[in-house]
């Protein structure tokens, strides 16, 4: 299904003036290859996907893992804003992002881990470790070189796969994953939960540990 324009009397972004476009409605959720969809604010105005992406670093999707349902339940603070608050936030977001970068040593991207799971593809292959968590700022892509920061230790790794964080399921077969999903569509983007997969031995993390990209 192609992106459809929202009705004209609702669909123009107060920040940039562009039409707010959405694939399945005004959810503000991330569609991996195209970026975020449009989002309806509290007063009925709409942000376009580009401005959702711009503000998401200040207003990340929040959530927790529901052990009973085995899924990640999210809460989105962005729709609680009205048009004036969104305009004000737009003027503050550059300074907010720069302060974040300074706090984390000016890395180009930072991911915070809330859980990890190890699995094996085969007897003679290094195990896969799937990290579940949130991108604080920046973006992660397939084959990015990253550093895992845990307990004062730094471990170098390469991202083998990126996936949504809807179910806390470790990735166990990269070939099958790549056969079903185009890896070029996948990005871990600031303000959104996702899972990052790396391959290697002896990778151990605790909740709150970081994966960073220089």
Foldseek 3Di string as FASTA:
>chain_A
DDKDFDPPVAAAALQPRHGFIADPDQDQDAQQQPAGHKHAAQVRHIHHRVLSQLLLLVWFWDWDQDPVVQWTDTDTCRNDDDRVVSNVSSVCSVVVVVVVCVVVVNFQWKWFFADKDWEEQDDPFFIKIKTWTAINAHKDAAQAWKWWAAPNDTDIWGFHAKFARTGPDDDHHSVVVVVVDPRVSHMRHHRGIIMTMTGDPDDDHHGGIMITHD
